[in-house]
Amino acid sequence: MKEKITRMTDYFGVNLAIVLAEKISLIYKNFDKEKFAATVKRNCSGKTLTQRVEFIADCLKLHLSNDYKKAVAILIKIMGEENQSETGMFKEYYWLMPIGKFIEKYGLEHYDTSIKV
């Protein structure tokens, strides 16, 4: 299901969905990683990078718990250790962008939970 990456936007499609799905399914056993990846693959064509980031965040919303606090708890667990060197954001940590968008978009009513992330 993976796609060939030829431009920056391509990082934010099914390839990223697979990365996120693998990480999430280790924490959240009920996560349907195949359905998540298929939804992203089916709907990313023709979208810009920022549209893809937002779409993947929306897919996270659809496939994770409806309870924002529970969903964020899952996403926090997949983040791993803090980036101590503050380098490599676009090379190694690009996959975090939809998580940030998820918190930005759905966390406004949950300020205390969101700010801790």
Protein backbone atom coordinates (compact mmCIF):
# COMPACT_ATOMS: atom_id res chain seq x y z
CA MET A 1 0.00 0.00 0.00
CA LYS A 2 3.00 2.33 0.35
CA GLU A 3 3.49 4.97 -2.31
CA LYS A 4 6.67 6.30 -3.90
CA ILE A 5 7.78 9.62 -2.41
CA THR A 6 8.91 12.16 -4.98
CA ARG A 7 8.01 15.46 -3.24
CA MET A 8 7.49 16.73 0.30
CA THR A 9 3.69 16.47 0.02
CA ASP A 10 4.01 12.72 -0.62
CA TYR A 11 5.25 12.21 2.94
CA PHE A 12 1.75 13.16 4.09
CA GLY A 13 -0.32 10.43 2.52
CA VAL A 14 -0.71 6.71 2.93
CA ASN A 15 2.94 6.36 3.98
CA LEU A 16 2.35 8.58 7.00
CA ALA A 17 -0.98 6.88 7.69
CA ILE A 18 0.86 3.56 7.91
CA VAL A 19 3.49 5.01 10.28
CA LEU A 20 0.81 6.48 12.55
CA ALA A 21 -1.37 3.36 12.36
CA GLU A 22 1.50 1.10 13.39
CA LYS A 23 2.38 3.31 16.35
CA ILE A 24 -1.23 3.77 17.47
CA SER A 25 -2.16 0.09 17.16
CA LEU A 26 0.59 -0.82 19.62
CA ILE A 27 -1.13 1.35 22.24
CA TYR A 28 -4.78 1.19 21.18
CA LYS A 29 -5.63 -2.38 20.20
CA ASN A 30 -9.06 -1.44 18.77
CA PHE A 31 -7.52 0.91 16.21
CA ASP A 32 -8.41 -0.26 12.69
CA LYS A 33 -5.10 0.53 11.02
CA GLU A 34 -6.12 -0.87 7.63
CA LYS A 35 -9.27 1.23 7.47
CA PHE A 36 -7.38 4.34 8.65
CA ALA A 37 -4.66 3.90 6.00
CA ALA A 38 -7.21 3.14 3.27
CA THR A 39 -9.21 6.28 4.13
CA VAL A 40 -6.10 8.43 3.92
CA LYS A 41 -4.95 6.81 0.67
CA ARG A 42 -8.36 7.22 -0.95
CA ASN A 43 -8.69 10.91 -0.07
CA CYS A 44 -5.25 12.55 -0.22
CA SER A 45 -4.85 12.78 -3.97
CA GLY A 46 -4.96 16.36 -5.20
CA LYS A 47 -4.55 17.87 -1.73
CA THR A 48 -1.75 20.25 -0.73
CA LEU A 49 0.59 19.44 2.15
CA THR A 50 -1.39 21.50 4.66
CA GLN A 51 -4.68 20.02 3.46
CA ARG A 52 -3.23 16.53 3.88
CA VAL A 53 -2.02 17.28 7.41
CA GLU A 54 -5.48 18.51 8.35
CA PHE A 55 -7.18 15.57 6.64
CA ILE A 56 -5.00 13.07 8.53
CA ALA A 57 -5.84 14.90 11.78
CA ASP A 58 -9.53 14.57 10.87
CA CYS A 59 -9.03 10.86 10.21
CA LEU A 60 -7.42 10.50 13.63
CA LYS A 61 -10.52 12.10 15.10
CA LEU A 62 -12.74 9.59 13.28
CA HIS A 63 -10.70 6.52 14.20
CA LEU A 64 -9.68 7.26 17.78
CA SER A 65 -11.87 7.49 20.86
CA ASN A 66 -14.61 10.13 20.74
CA ASP A 67 -13.39 11.20 24.17
CA TYR A 68 -10.76 13.87 23.45
CA LYS A 69 -8.81 13.16 26.65
CA LYS A 70 -8.57 9.45 25.80
CA ALA A 71 -7.56 10.20 22.20
CA VAL A 72 -4.84 12.62 23.32
CA ALA A 73 -3.58 10.10 25.88
CA ILE A 74 -3.07 7.62 23.03
CA LEU A 75 -1.32 10.20 20.86
CA ILE A 76 0.97 11.24 23.72
CA LYS A 77 2.05 7.63 24.19
CA ILE A 78 3.14 7.30 20.55
CA MET A 79 5.24 10.47 20.61
CA GLY A 80 8.23 8.86 22.27
CA GLU A 81 11.11 10.74 23.83
CA GLU A 82 11.54 14.48 23.48
CA ASN A 83 13.77 15.62 20.62
CA GLN A 84 16.79 16.70 22.67
CA SER A 85 18.79 18.05 19.72
CA GLU A 86 15.95 20.20 18.35
CA THR A 87 17.03 19.15 14.86
CA GLY A 88 15.53 16.82 12.31
CA MET A 89 11.96 18.05 12.69
CA PHE A 90 11.19 17.70 8.99
CA LYS A 91 13.33 14.63 8.44
CA GLU A 92 12.61 12.52 11.51
CA TYR A 93 9.60 14.07 13.25
CA TYR A 94 7.40 15.15 10.35
CA TRP A 95 4.88 12.49 11.38
CA LEU A 96 3.95 14.60 14.41
CA MET A 97 2.38 17.36 12.31
CA PRO A 98 -1.09 15.75 12.12
CA ILE A 99 -1.00 15.23 15.88
CA GLY A 100 -0.31 18.94 16.39
CA LYS A 101 -3.15 19.78 14.00
CA PHE A 102 -5.45 17.37 15.87
CA ILE A 103 -4.75 19.17 19.14
CA GLU A 104 -5.06 22.58 17.51
CA LYS A 105 -8.36 21.72 15.87
CA TYR A 106 -10.09 19.61 18.49
CA GLY A 107 -8.45 20.67 21.74
CA LEU A 108 -9.71 24.23 22.19
CA GLU A 109 -12.46 23.14 24.56
CA HIS A 110 -9.94 21.06 26.51
CA TYR A 111 -7.28 23.67 27.21
CA ASP A 112 -5.78 22.06 30.32
CA THR A 113 -5.37 18.71 28.58
CA SER A 114 -4.08 20.22 25.34
CA ILE A 115 -1.52 22.54 26.90
CA LYS A 116 0.15 19.63 28.70
CA VAL A 117 1.00 18.00 25.39
